[in-house]
PDB file of N, CA and C in Angstrom:
ATOM      1  N   MET A   1       2.638 -13.432  13.102  1.00  0.00           N
ATOM      2  CA  MET A   1       2.092 -12.473  12.599  1.00  0.00           C
ATOM      3  C   MET A   1       3.061 -11.169  12.644  1.00  0.00           C
ATOM      4  N   ILE A   2       3.239 -10.541  11.483  1.00  0.00           N
ATOM      5  CA  ILE A   2       3.960  -9.504  11.354  1.00  0.00           C
ATOM      6  C   ILE A   2       3.253  -8.321  11.940  1.00  0.00           C
ATOM      7  N   ASP A   3       3.958  -7.540  12.694  1.00  0.00           N
ATOM      8  CA  ASP A   3       3.444  -6.230  13.278  1.00  0.00           C
ATOM      9  C   ASP A   3       3.554  -5.108  12.407  1.00  0.00           C
ATOM     10  N   TYR A   4       2.563  -4.611  11.902  1.00  0.00           N
ATOM     11  CA  TYR A   4       2.450  -3.560  10.647  1.00  0.00           C
ATOM     12  C   TYR A   4       2.867  -2.091  11.586  1.00  0.00           C
ATOM     13  N   ASP A   5       2.431  -1.885  12.811  1.00  0.00           N
ATOM     14  CA  ASP A   5       2.026  -0.923  13.276  1.00  0.00           C
ATOM     15  C   ASP A   5       3.176   0.314  13.698  1.00  0.00           C
ATOM     16  N   GLY A   6       2.982   1.345  12.865  1.00  0.00           N
ATOM     17  CA  GLY A   6       3.973   2.313  12.644  1.00  0.00           C
ATOM     18  C   GLY A   6       4.856   2.259  11.709  1.00  0.00           C
ATOM     19  N   ARG A   7       5.061   1.513  10.951  1.00  0.00           N
ATOM     20  CA  ARG A   7       5.985   1.345   9.881  1.00  0.00           C
ATOM     21  C   ARG A   7       5.631   2.047   8.456  1.00  0.00           C
ATOM     22  N   VAL A   8       6.573   2.515   8.154  1.00  0.00           N
ATOM     23  CA  VAL A   8       6.273   3.342   6.665  1.00  0.00           C
ATOM     24  C   VAL A   8       7.152   2.648   5.501  1.00  0.00           C
ATOM     25  N   PHE A   9       6.248   2.805   4.308  1.00  0.00           N
ATOM     26  CA  PHE A   9       6.469   2.345   3.107  1.00  0.00           C
ATOM     27  C   PHE A   9       6.359   3.310   2.109  1.00  0.00           C
ATOM     28  N   ARG A  10       7.404   2.897   0.769  1.00  0.00           N
ATOM     29  CA  ARG A  10       7.425   3.808  -0.350  1.00  0.00           C
ATOM     30  C   ARG A  10       7.515   2.533  -1.634  1.00  0.00           C
ATOM     31  N   PRO A  11       6.713   3.157  -2.518  1.00  0.00           N
ATOM     32  CA  PRO A  11       7.057   2.236  -3.726  1.00  0.00           C
ATOM     33  C   PRO A  11       8.194   2.506  -4.217  1.00  0.00           C
ATOM     34  N   VAL A  12       8.863   0.803  -4.754  1.00  0.00           N
ATOM     35  CA  VAL A  12      10.127   0.864  -5.370  1.00  0.00           C
ATOM     36  C   VAL A  12       9.916   0.241  -6.816  1.00  0.00           C
ATOM     37  N   SER A  13       8.488  -0.096  -7.083  1.00  0.00           N
ATOM     38  CA  SER A  13       8.402  -0.587  -8.490  1.00  0.00           C
ATOM     39  C   SER A  13       6.907  -0.643  -8.590  1.00  0.00           C
ATOM     40  N   LEU A  14       6.651  -0.419  -9.627  1.00  0.00           N
ATOM     41  CA  LEU A  14       5.194   0.211  -9.875  1.00  0.00           C
ATOM     42  C   LEU A  14       4.626  -0.114 -11.441  1.00  0.00           C
ATOM     43  N   SER A  15       3.570  -0.577 -11.639  1.00  0.00           N
ATOM     44  CA  SER A  15       2.943  -1.047 -13.156  1.00  0.00           C
ATOM     45  C   SER A  15       2.573   0.255 -13.428  1.00  0.00           C
ATOM     46  N   PRO A  16       2.616   0.500 -14.821  1.00  0.00           N
ATOM     47  CA  PRO A  16       2.308   1.810 -15.680  1.00  0.00           C
ATOM     48  C   PRO A  16       0.862   2.306 -15.367  1.00  0.00           C
ATOM     49  N   ASN A  17      -0.066   1.436 -15.014  1.00  0.00           N
ATOM     50  CA  ASN A  17      -1.365   1.679 -14.961  1.00  0.00           C
ATOM     51  C   ASN A  17      -1.853   2.384 -13.573  1.00  0.00           C
ATOM     52  N   GLY A  18      -1.077   2.222 -12.890  1.00  0.00           N
ATOM     53  CA  GLY A  18      -1.433   2.877 -10.995  1.00  0.00           C
ATOM     54  C   GLY A  18      -0.885   4.291 -11.441  1.00  0.00           C
ATOM     55  N   THR A  19      -1.369   4.771  -9.910  1.00  0.00           N
ATOM     56  CA  THR A  19      -1.232   6.241  -9.516  1.00  0.00           C
ATOM     57  C   THR A  19      -0.083   6.838  -8.710  1.00  0.00           C
ATOM     58  N   VAL A  20      -0.022   5.847  -7.909  1.00  0.00           N
ATOM     59  CA  VAL A  20       1.212   6.258  -6.962  1.00  0.00           C
ATOM     60  C   VAL A  20       2.370   5.862  -7.389  1.00  0.00           C
ATOM     61  N   SER A  21       3.548   6.793  -6.811  1.00  0.00           N
ATOM     62  CA  SER A  21       4.729   6.938  -7.321  1.00  0.00           C
ATOM     63  C   SER A  21       5.617   6.667  -6.036  1.00  0.00           C
ATOM     64  N   THR A  22       7.013   6.724  -6.317  1.00  0.00           N
ATOM     65  CA  THR A  22       7.880   6.709  -5.670  1.00  0.00           C
ATOM     66  C   THR A  22       7.950   7.709  -4.693  1.00  0.00           C
ATOM     67  N   GLU A  23       7.186   8.834  -4.705  1.00  0.00           N
ATOM     68  CA  GLU A  23       7.041   9.780  -3.746  1.00  0.00           C
ATOM     69  C   GLU A  23       6.098   9.872  -2.779  1.00  0.00           C
ATOM     70  N   THR A  24       5.160   8.547  -3.216  1.00  0.00           N
ATOM     71  CA  THR A  24       3.990   8.324  -2.105  1.00  0.00           C
ATOM     72  C   THR A  24       4.652   7.584  -0.715  1.00  0.00           C
ATOM     73  N   VAL A  25       4.118   8.040   0.309  1.00  0.00           N
ATOM     74  CA  VAL A  25       4.382   7.421   1.697  1.00  0.00           C
ATOM     75  C   VAL A  25       3.283   7.065   2.205  1.00  0.00           C
ATOM     76  N   PHE A  26       3.469   5.864   2.581  1.00  0.00           N
ATOM     77  CA  PHE A  26       2.422   4.908   3.292  1.00  0.00           C
ATOM     78  C   PHE A  26       2.905   4.995   4.794  1.00  0.00           C
ATOM     79  N   VAL A  27       1.700   5.312   5.805  1.00  0.00           N
ATOM     80  CA  VAL A  27       1.981   4.997   7.373  1.00  0.00           C
ATOM     81  C   VAL A  27       0.902   3.821   7.766  1.00  0.00           C
ATOM     82  N   TYR A  28       1.295   2.723   8.183  1.00  0.00           N
ATOM     83  CA  TYR A  28       0.552   1.698   8.263  1.00  0.00           C
ATOM     84  C   TYR A  28       0.243   1.848   9.984  1.00  0.00           C
ATOM     85  N   ARG A  29      -0.930   1.415  10.194  1.00  0.00           N
ATOM     86  CA  ARG A  29      -1.537   1.020  11.315  1.00  0.00           C
ATOM     87  C   ARG A  29      -2.111   0.125  11.990  1.00  0.00           C
ATOM     88  N   GLN A  30      -1.889  -0.865  13.086  1.00  0.00           N
ATOM     89  CA  GLN A  30      -2.459  -2.029  13.136  1.00  0.00           C
ATOM     90  C   GLN A  30      -3.286  -2.282  14.522  1.00  0.00           C
ATOM     91  N   ARG A  31      -4.273  -2.910  14.568  1.00  0.00           N
ATOM     92  CA  ARG A  31      -4.830  -3.282  15.931  1.00  0.00           C
ATOM     93  C   ARG A  31      -5.364  -4.845  15.659  1.00  0.00           C
ATOM     94  N   ARG A  32      -4.561  -5.499  16.307  1.00  0.00           N
ATOM     95  CA  ARG A  32      -5.032  -6.955  16.029  1.00  0.00           C
ATOM     96  C   ARG A  32      -4.972  -7.362  14.494  1.00  0.00           C
ATOM     97  N   ARG A  33      -5.744  -7.909  13.980  1.00  0.00           N
ATOM     98  CA  ARG A  33      -5.769  -8.213  12.678  1.00  0.00           C
ATOM     99  C   ARG A  33      -6.232  -7.107  11.538  1.00  0.00           C
ATOM    100  N   VAL A  34      -6.259  -5.650  12.378  1.00  0.00           N
ATOM    101  CA  VAL A  34      -7.200  -4.790  11.383  1.00  0.00           C
ATOM    102  C   VAL A  34      -5.934  -4.198  11.031  1.00  0.00           C
ATOM    103  N   ILE A  35      -5.615  -3.707   9.477  1.00  0.00           N
ATOM    104  CA  ILE A  35      -4.837  -2.776   9.152  1.00  0.00           C
ATOM    105  C   ILE A  35      -5.372  -1.314   8.338  1.00  0.00           C
ATOM    106  N   THR A  36      -4.892  -0.323   8.864  1.00  0.00           N
ATOM    107  CA  THR A  36      -5.111   0.909   8.203  1.00  0.00           C
ATOM    108  C   THR A  36      -3.841   1.437   7.821  1.00  0.00           C
ATOM    109  N   SER A  37      -3.944   2.526   6.773  1.00  0.00           N
ATOM    110  CA  SER A  37      -2.991   3.425   6.256  1.00  0.00           C
ATOM    111  C   SER A  37      -3.798   4.480   5.725  1.00  0.00           C
ATOM    112  N   ALA A  38      -2.735   5.681   6.025  1.00  0.00           N
ATOM    113  CA  ALA A  38      -3.147   6.894   5.171  1.00  0.00           C
ATOM    114  C   ALA A  38      -1.955   7.143   4.400  1.00  0.00           C
ATOM    115  N   TYR A  39      -2.225   7.811   3.176  1.00  0.00           N
ATOM    116  CA  TYR A  39      -1.013   7.879   2.361  1.00  0.00           C
ATOM    117  C   TYR A  39      -1.132   9.024   1.469  1.00  0.00           C
ATOM    118  N   GLN A  40      -0.185   9.613   1.227  1.00  0.00           N
ATOM    119  CA  GLN A  40       0.026  10.743   0.173  1.00  0.00           C
ATOM    120  C   GLN A  40       1.195  11.131  -0.618  1.00  0.00           C
ATOM    121  N   GLY A  41       1.248  12.084  -1.330  1.00  0.00           N
ATOM    122  CA  GLY A  41       2.623  12.198  -2.025  1.00  0.00           C
ATOM    123  C   GLY A  41       2.345  11.932  -3.732  1.00  0.00           C
ATOM    124  N   GLY A  42       3.350  12.755  -4.373  1.00  0.00           N
ATOM    125  CA  GLY A  42       3.300  12.728  -5.697  1.00  0.00           C
ATOM    126  C   GLY A  42       1.844  12.963  -6.321  1.00  0.00           C
ATOM    127  N   ASP A  43       1.293  12.354  -7.269  1.00  0.00           N
ATOM    128  CA  ASP A  43      -0.013  12.533  -7.692  1.00  0.00           C
ATOM    129  C   ASP A  43      -1.118  12.290  -6.788  1.00  0.00           C
ATOM    130  N   ILE A  44      -1.252  12.054  -5.601  1.00  0.00           N
ATOM    131  CA  ILE A  44      -2.237  11.767  -4.443  1.00  0.00           C
ATOM    132  C   ILE A  44      -2.158  12.480  -3.355  1.00  0.00           C
ATOM    133  N   VAL A  45      -2.993  13.301  -3.394  1.00  0.00           N
ATOM    134  CA  VAL A  45      -3.159  14.160  -2.198  1.00  0.00           C
ATOM    135  C   VAL A  45      -4.149  13.671  -1.102  1.00  0.00           C
ATOM    136  N   ALA A  46      -4.729  12.334  -1.148  1.00  0.00           N
ATOM    137  CA  ALA A  46      -4.946  11.752   0.174  1.00  0.00           C
ATOM    138  C   ALA A  46      -5.282  10.210  -0.310  1.00  0.00           C
ATOM    139  N   GLY A  47      -4.922   9.517   0.253  1.00  0.00           N
ATOM    140  CA  GLY A  47      -5.455   8.127   0.204  1.00  0.00           C
ATOM    141  C   GLY A  47      -5.738   7.301   1.582  1.00  0.00           C
ATOM    142  N   HIS A  48      -6.451   6.488   1.402  1.00  0.00           N
ATOM    143  CA  HIS A  48      -6.533   5.534   2.902  1.00  0.00           C
ATOM    144  C   HIS A  48      -6.738   4.115   2.293  1.00  0.00           C
ATOM    145  N   LEU A  49      -6.238   3.149   3.299  1.00  0.00           N
ATOM    146  CA  LEU A  49      -6.628   1.536   2.785  1.00  0.00           C
ATOM    147  C   LEU A  49      -7.110   1.271   4.668  1.00  0.00           C
ATOM    148  N   ILE A  50      -8.096   0.033   4.306  1.00  0.00           N
ATOM    149  CA  ILE A  50      -8.268  -0.694   5.286  1.00  0.00           C
ATOM    150  C   ILE A  50      -8.336  -2.151   5.024  1.00  0.00           C
ATOM    151  N   GLY A  51      -7.809  -3.019   5.921  1.00  0.00           N
ATOM    152  CA  GLY A  51      -7.834  -4.282   5.722  1.00  0.00           C
ATOM    153  C   GLY A  51      -7.524  -5.249   6.708  1.00  0.00           C
ATOM    154  N   LEU A  52      -7.533  -6.543   6.294  1.00  0.00           N
ATOM    155  CA  LEU A  52      -6.979  -7.621   7.411  1.00  0.00           C
ATOM    156  C   LEU A  52      -5.427  -8.216   7.030  1.00  0.00           C
ATOM    157  N   VAL A  53      -5.070  -8.484   8.197  1.00  0.00           N
ATOM    158  CA  VAL A  53      -3.531  -9.303   8.170  1.00  0.00           C
ATOM    159  C   VAL A  53      -4.132 -10.708   8.594  1.00  0.00           C
ATOM    160  N   ASP A  54      -3.096 -11.651   7.811  1.00  0.00           N
ATOM    161  CA  ASP A  54      -3.239 -13.231   8.375  1.00  0.00           C
ATOM    162  C   ASP A  54      -2.283 -13.705   9.363  1.00  0.00           C
ATOM    163  N   ALA A  55      -1.979 -14.640   9.715  1.00  0.00           N
ATOM    164  CA  ALA A  55      -1.131 -15.095  10.373  1.00  0.00           C
ATOM    165  C   ALA A  55       0.370 -15.217   9.975  1.00  0.00           C
ATOM    166  N   GLU A  56       0.206 -15.126   8.422  1.00  0.00           N
ATOM    167  CA  GLU A  56       1.590 -15.152   7.711  1.00  0.00           C
ATOM    168  C   GLU A  56       2.108 -13.747   7.311  1.00  0.00           C
ATOM    169  N   GLY A  57       1.297 -12.785   7.934  1.00  0.00           N
ATOM    170  CA  GLY A  57       1.660 -11.201   7.548  1.00  0.00           C
ATOM    171  C   GLY A  57       0.874 -11.000   6.260  1.00  0.00           C
ATOM    172  N   ASN A  58       0.333 -11.760   5.473  1.00  0.00           N
ATOM    173  CA  ASN A  58      -0.307 -11.271   4.234  1.00  0.00           C
ATOM    174  C   ASN A  58      -1.282 -10.402   4.521  1.00  0.00           C
ATOM    175  N   LEU A  59      -1.486  -9.376   3.472  1.00  0.00           N
ATOM    176  CA  LEU A  59      -2.413  -8.184   3.745  1.00  0.00           C
ATOM    177  C   LEU A  59      -3.737  -8.396   2.392  1.00  0.00           C
ATOM    178  N   ASP A  60      -5.006  -8.399   3.005  1.00  0.00           N
ATOM    179  CA  ASP A  60      -6.199  -7.974   1.867  1.00  0.00           C
ATOM    180  C   ASP A  60      -6.693  -6.866   2.580  1.00  0.00           C
ATOM    181  N   PHE A  61      -6.808  -6.069   1.485  1.00  0.00           N
ATOM    182  CA  PHE A  61      -7.197  -4.825   1.700  1.00  0.00           C
ATOM    183  C   PHE A  61      -8.223  -4.001   0.550  1.00  0.00           C
ATOM    184  N   ARG A  62      -8.854  -2.746   0.988  1.00  0.00           N
ATOM    185  CA  ARG A  62      -9.277  -2.243   0.064  1.00  0.00           C
ATOM    186  C   ARG A  62      -8.666  -0.655   0.059  1.00  0.00           C
ATOM    187  N   TYR A  63      -8.653   0.090  -1.017  1.00  0.00           N
ATOM    188  CA  TYR A  63      -8.275   1.245  -0.937  1.00  0.00           C
ATOM    189  C   TYR A  63      -9.177   2.559  -1.693  1.00  0.00           C
ATOM    190  N   HIS A  64      -9.131   3.802  -1.236  1.00  0.00           N
ATOM    191  CA  HIS A  64      -9.445   4.784  -2.166  1.00  0.00           C
ATOM    192  C   HIS A  64      -8.741   6.065  -1.952  1.00  0.00           C
ATOM    193  N   GLN A  65      -8.669   6.762  -2.937  1.00  0.00           N
ATOM    194  CA  GLN A  65      -7.629   7.974  -2.875  1.00  0.00           C
ATOM    195  C   GLN A  65      -8.220   9.011  -3.756  1.00  0.00           C
ATOM    196  N   LEU A  66      -7.719  10.315  -3.439  1.00  0.00           N
ATOM    197  CA  LEU A  66      -7.817  11.485  -4.471  1.00  0.00           C
ATOM    198  C   LEU A  66      -6.713  11.897  -4.996  1.00  0.00           C
ATOM    199  N   THR A  67      -6.691  12.317  -6.419  1.00  0.00           N
ATOM    200  CA  THR A  67      -5.704  12.230  -7.093  1.00  0.00           C
ATOM    201  C   THR A  67      -5.418  14.205  -7.024  1.00  0.00           C
ATOM    202  N   VAL A  68      -4.416  14.568  -7.377  1.00  0.00           N
ATOM    203  CA  VAL A  68      -4.181  16.179  -7.741  1.00  0.00           C
ATOM    204  C   VAL A  68      -5.152  16.670  -8.849  1.00  0.00           C
ATOM    205  N   GLU A  69      -5.526  15.740  -9.669  1.00  0.00           N
ATOM    206  CA  GLU A  69      -6.449  16.174 -10.955  1.00  0.00           C
ATOM    207  C   GLU A  69      -7.965  15.983 -10.584  1.00  0.00           C
ATOM    208  N   GLY A  70      -8.266  15.584  -8.929  1.00  0.00           N
ATOM    209  CA  GLY A  70      -9.365  15.603  -8.552  1.00  0.00           C
ATOM    210  C   GLY A  70     -10.232  14.545  -8.804  1.00  0.00           C
ATOM    211  N   GLU A  71      -9.639  13.398  -9.293  1.00  0.00           N
ATOM    212  CA  GLU A  71     -10.054  12.002  -9.550  1.00  0.00           C
ATOM    213  C   GLU A  71     -10.410  11.099  -8.191  1.00  0.00           C
ATOM    214  N   LEU A  72     -11.494  10.846  -7.923  1.00  0.00           N
ATOM    215  CA  LEU A  72     -11.606   9.859  -6.980  1.00  0.00           C
ATOM    216  C   LEU A  72     -11.479   8.446  -7.362  1.00  0.00           C
ATOM    217  N   GLN A  73     -10.392   7.563  -6.979  1.00  0.00           N
ATOM    218  CA  GLN A  73     -10.230   6.328  -7.511  1.00  0.00           C
ATOM    219  C   GLN A  73     -10.109   4.911  -6.362  1.00  0.00           C
ATOM    220  N   ALA A  74     -10.651   3.818  -6.350  1.00  0.00           N
ATOM    221  CA  ALA A  74     -10.510   3.277  -5.418  1.00  0.00           C
ATOM    222  C   ALA A  74     -10.355   1.724  -6.100  1.00  0.00           C
ATOM    223  N   GLY A  75      -9.960   0.633  -5.247  1.00  0.00           N
ATOM    224  CA  GLY A  75      -9.578  -0.499  -5.638  1.00  0.00           C
ATOM    225  C   GLY A  75      -9.327  -1.636  -4.461  1.00  0.00           C
ATOM    226  N   SER A  76      -8.736  -2.618  -5.005  1.00  0.00           N
ATOM    227  CA  SER A  76      -8.440  -3.700  -4.043  1.00  0.00           C
ATOM    228  C   SER A  76      -6.985  -4.219  -4.005  1.00  0.00           C
ATOM    229  N   CYS A  77      -6.556  -4.895  -3.118  1.00  0.00           N
ATOM    230  CA  CYS A  77      -5.242  -5.066  -3.181  1.00  0.00           C
ATOM    231  C   CYS A  77      -4.786  -6.293  -2.306  1.00  0.00           C
ATOM    232  N   HIS A  78      -4.191  -7.531  -2.595  1.00  0.00           N
ATOM    233  CA  HIS A  78      -3.236  -8.362  -1.520  1.00  0.00           C
ATOM    234  C   HIS A  78      -1.769  -8.370  -1.822  1.00  0.00           C
ATOM    235  N   SER A  79      -1.301  -8.095  -0.879  1.00  0.00           N
ATOM    236  CA  SER A  79       0.184  -8.066  -0.321  1.00  0.00           C
ATOM    237  C   SER A  79       0.812  -9.159   0.380  1.00  0.00           C
ATOM    238  N   THR A  80       1.719  -9.734  -0.156  1.00  0.00           N
ATOM    239  CA  THR A  80       2.561 -10.810   0.550  1.00  0.00           C
ATOM    240  C   THR A  80       3.819 -10.083   1.168  1.00  0.00           C
ATOM    241  N   PRO A  81       4.368 -10.327   2.009  1.00  0.00           N
ATOM    242  CA  PRO A  81       5.368  -9.706   2.956  1.00  0.00           C
ATOM    243  C   PRO A  81       6.744 -10.549   2.519  1.00  0.00           C
ATOM    244  N   GLU A  82       7.890  -9.764   2.482  1.00  0.00           N
ATOM    245  CA  GLU A  82       9.074 -10.688   2.302  1.00  0.00           C
ATOM    246  C   GLU A  82      10.157 -10.031   3.330  1.00  0.00           C
ATOM    247  N   VAL A  83      10.650 -10.464   4.415  1.00  0.00           N
ATOM    248  CA  VAL A  83      11.538  -9.665   5.450  1.00  0.00           C
ATOM    249  C   VAL A  83      12.832  -9.678   4.807  1.00  0.00           C
ATOM    250  N   LEU A  84      13.085  -8.837   4.794  1.00  0.00           N
ATOM    251  CA  LEU A  84      14.753  -8.438   4.077  1.00  0.00           C
ATOM    252  C   LEU A  84      16.040  -8.610   5.152  1.00  0.00           C
ATOM    253  N   GLU A  85      16.830  -8.862   4.534  1.00  0.00           N
ATOM    254  CA  GLU A  85      18.316  -9.271   5.586  1.00  0.00           C
ATOM    255  C   GLU A  85      18.379  -8.375   6.445  1.00  0.00           C
ATOM    256  N   ASP A  86      18.140  -6.770   6.248  1.00  0.00           N
ATOM    257  CA  ASP A  86      18.095  -5.902   7.603  1.00  0.00           C
ATOM    258  C   ASP A  86      17.114  -5.882   8.289  1.00  0.00           C
ATOM    259  N   GLY A  87      16.004  -6.656   7.838  1.00  0.00           N
ATOM    260  CA  GLY A  87      14.833  -6.627   9.046  1.00  0.00           C
ATOM    261  C   GLY A  87      13.358  -5.774   8.262  1.00  0.00           C
ATOM    262  N   ARG A  88      13.896  -4.792   7.399  1.00  0.00           N
ATOM    263  CA  ARG A  88      12.890  -4.211   6.855  1.00  0.00           C
ATOM    264  C   ARG A  88      11.757  -5.240   5.902  1.00  0.00           C
ATOM    265  N   ILE A  89      10.792  -4.640   5.751  1.00  0.00           N
ATOM    266  CA  ILE A  89       9.589  -5.626   4.939  1.00  0.00           C
ATOM    267  C   ILE A  89       9.600  -5.044   3.479  1.00  0.00           C
ATOM    268  N   ARG A  90       9.601  -5.779   2.686  1.00  0.00           N
ATOM    269  CA  ARG A  90       9.165  -5.802   1.415  1.00  0.00           C
ATOM    270  C   ARG A  90       7.737  -6.219   1.038  1.00  0.00           C
ATOM    271  N   LEU A  91       6.867  -5.390   0.642  1.00  0.00           N
ATOM    272  CA  LEU A  91       5.490  -5.665   0.022  1.00  0.00           C
ATOM    273  C   LEU A  91       5.169  -6.199  -1.356  1.00  0.00           C
ATOM    274  N   HIS A  92       4.829  -7.265  -1.764  1.00  0.00           N
ATOM    275  CA  HIS A  92       4.812  -7.836  -3.223  1.00  0.00           C
ATOM    276  C   HIS A  92       3.257  -7.363  -3.219  1.00  0.00           C
ATOM    277  N   GLU A  93       2.731  -6.720  -4.017  1.00  0.00           N
ATOM    278  CA  GLU A  93       1.288  -6.391  -4.144  1.00  0.00           C
ATOM    279  C   GLU A  93       0.808  -6.678  -5.493  1.00  0.00           C
ATOM    280  N   SER A  94      -0.669  -7.248  -5.541  1.00  0.00           N
ATOM    281  CA  SER A  94      -1.350  -7.527  -6.640  1.00  0.00           C
ATOM    282  C   SER A  94      -2.606  -6.768  -6.326  1.00  0.00           C
ATOM    283  N   TRP A  95      -3.031  -5.898  -7.277  1.00  0.00           N
ATOM    284  CA  TRP A  95      -4.015  -4.971  -6.969  1.00  0.00           C
ATOM    285  C   TRP A  95      -5.061  -4.826  -8.214  1.00  0.00           C
ATOM    286  N   GLN A  96      -6.464  -4.583  -8.125  1.00  0.00           N
ATOM    287  CA  GLN A  96      -7.304  -4.177  -9.032  1.00  0.00           C
ATOM    288  C   GLN A  96      -7.915  -3.061  -9.098  1.00  0.00           C
ATOM    289  N   TRP A  97      -7.942  -2.135  -9.986  1.00  0.00           N
ATOM    290  CA  TRP A  97      -8.908  -0.929  -9.557  1.00  0.00           C
ATOM    291  C   TRP A  97     -10.473  -1.333  -9.488  1.00  0.00           C
ATOM    292  N   SER A  98     -11.240  -0.884  -8.810  1.00  0.00           N
ATOM    293  CA  SER A  98     -12.594  -0.934  -8.762  1.00  0.00           C
ATOM    294  C   SER A  98     -13.557   0.116  -9.687  1.00  0.00           C
ATOM    295  N   THR A  99     -12.722   1.494  -9.929  1.00  0.00           N
ATOM    296  CA  THR A  99     -13.141   2.415 -10.696  1.00  0.00           C
ATOM    297  C   THR A  99     -12.371   2.515 -11.913  1.00  0.00           C
ATOM    298  N   GLY A 100     -12.706   3.316 -12.884  1.00  0.00           N
ATOM    299  CA  GLY A 100     -11.871   3.571 -14.026  1.00  0.00           C
ATOM    300  C   GLY A 100     -12.035   2.372 -14.984  1.00  0.00           C
ATOM    301  N   ASP A 101     -10.819   1.554 -15.352  1.00  0.00           N
ATOM    302  CA  ASP A 101     -10.689   0.654 -16.230  1.00  0.00           C
ATOM    303  C   ASP A 101     -10.779  -0.301 -15.588  1.00  0.00           C
ATOM    304  N   ARG A 102     -10.849  -0.802 -14.542  1.00  0.00           N
ATOM    305  CA  ARG A 102     -10.583  -2.210 -13.674  1.00  0.00           C
ATOM    306  C   ARG A 102      -9.563  -2.813 -14.005  1.00  0.00           C
ATOM    307  N   SER A 103      -8.728  -2.138 -14.368  1.00  0.00           N
ATOM    308  CA  SER A 103      -7.481  -2.964 -14.781  1.00  0.00           C
ATOM    309  C   SER A 103      -6.624  -3.406 -13.635  1.00  0.00           C
ATOM    310  N   THR A 104      -5.725  -4.544 -13.772  1.00  0.00           N
ATOM    311  CA  THR A 104      -5.018  -5.102 -12.778  1.00  0.00           C
ATOM    312  C   THR A 104      -3.594  -4.586 -12.834  1.00  0.00           C
ATOM    313  N   GLY A 105      -2.704  -4.769 -11.372  1.00  0.00           N
ATOM    314  CA  GLY A 105      -1.387  -4.467 -11.590  1.00  0.00           C
ATOM    315  C   GLY A 105      -0.776  -4.893 -10.537  1.00  0.00           C
ATOM    316  N   THR A 106       0.777  -4.851 -10.521  1.00  0.00           N
ATOM    317  CA  THR A 106       1.578  -4.991  -9.537  1.00  0.00           C
ATOM    318  C   THR A 106       2.355  -4.140  -8.981  1.00  0.00           C
ATOM    319  N   SER A 107       2.769  -3.772  -7.702  1.00  0.00           N
ATOM    320  CA  SER A 107       3.804  -2.999  -6.859  1.00  0.00           C
ATOM    321  C   SER A 107       4.553  -3.814  -6.167  1.00  0.00           C
ATOM    322  N   THR A 108       5.603  -2.949  -5.693  1.00  0.00           N
ATOM    323  CA  THR A 108       6.768  -3.369  -4.691  1.00  0.00           C
ATOM    324  C   THR A 108       6.724  -2.310  -3.706  1.00  0.00           C
ATOM    325  N   LEU A 109       6.560  -2.178  -2.261  1.00  0.00           N
ATOM    326  CA  LEU A 109       6.535  -1.335  -1.300  1.00  0.00           C
ATOM    327  C   LEU A 109       7.990  -1.971  -0.430  1.00  0.00           C
ATOM    328  N   GLU A 110       8.475  -0.812  -0.002  1.00  0.00           N
ATOM    329  CA  GLU A 110       9.745  -0.960   1.094  1.00  0.00           C
ATOM    330  C   GLU A 110       9.629  -0.377   1.891  1.00  0.00           C
ATOM    331  N   GLU A 111       9.829  -1.241   3.295  1.00  0.00           N
ATOM    332  CA  GLU A 111       9.677  -0.191   4.606  1.00  0.00           C
ATOM    333  C   GLU A 111      10.794   0.752   4.152  1.00  0.00           C
ATOM    334  N   VAL A 112      10.695   2.057   4.883  1.00  0.00           N
ATOM    335  CA  VAL A 112      11.324   2.967   5.163  1.00  0.00           C
ATOM    336  C   VAL A 112      11.916   3.362   6.542  1.00  0.00           C
ATOM    337  N   ARG A 113      13.395   3.033   6.844  1.00  0.00           N
ATOM    338  CA  ARG A 113      13.404   3.256   8.262  1.00  0.00           C
ATOM    339  C   ARG A 113      13.876   5.023   8.474  1.00  0.00           C
ATOM    340  N   PRO A 114      13.516   5.198   9.597  1.00  0.00           N
ATOM    341  CA  PRO A 114      13.721   7.012   9.900  1.00  0.00           C
ATOM    342  C   PRO A 114      15.327   7.147   9.810  1.00  0.00           C
ATOM    343  N   ASP A 115      15.505   8.196   9.709  1.00  0.00           N
ATOM    344  CA  ASP A 115      17.381   8.572   9.457  1.00  0.00           C
ATOM    345  C   ASP A 115      17.775   8.484  11.044  1.00  0.00           C
TER     346      ASP A 115
END
């Protein structure tokens, strides 16, 4: 199982119907199979996710967030990890809004290493 605890991610590709941007920063925490993250940046004032990680490192989670326009949004996401040559993790995400238009999308997040 991949250990996500303390890893920091930023989006590198996004669907146009999403709200996060390349300015959004996700800080992951893990305790056994439980994954959580607090995130913010760009149009996101505050966001949280909670979910589970399986033996292969796949993530299944729910998220909710508040935008700078004052809109509360929520949805679900499934992320599949890819370990890059330099050891960082890239997450391939498929998600769906449970609020608003209930549309689907994809995004890719990459781990950011501290300078």
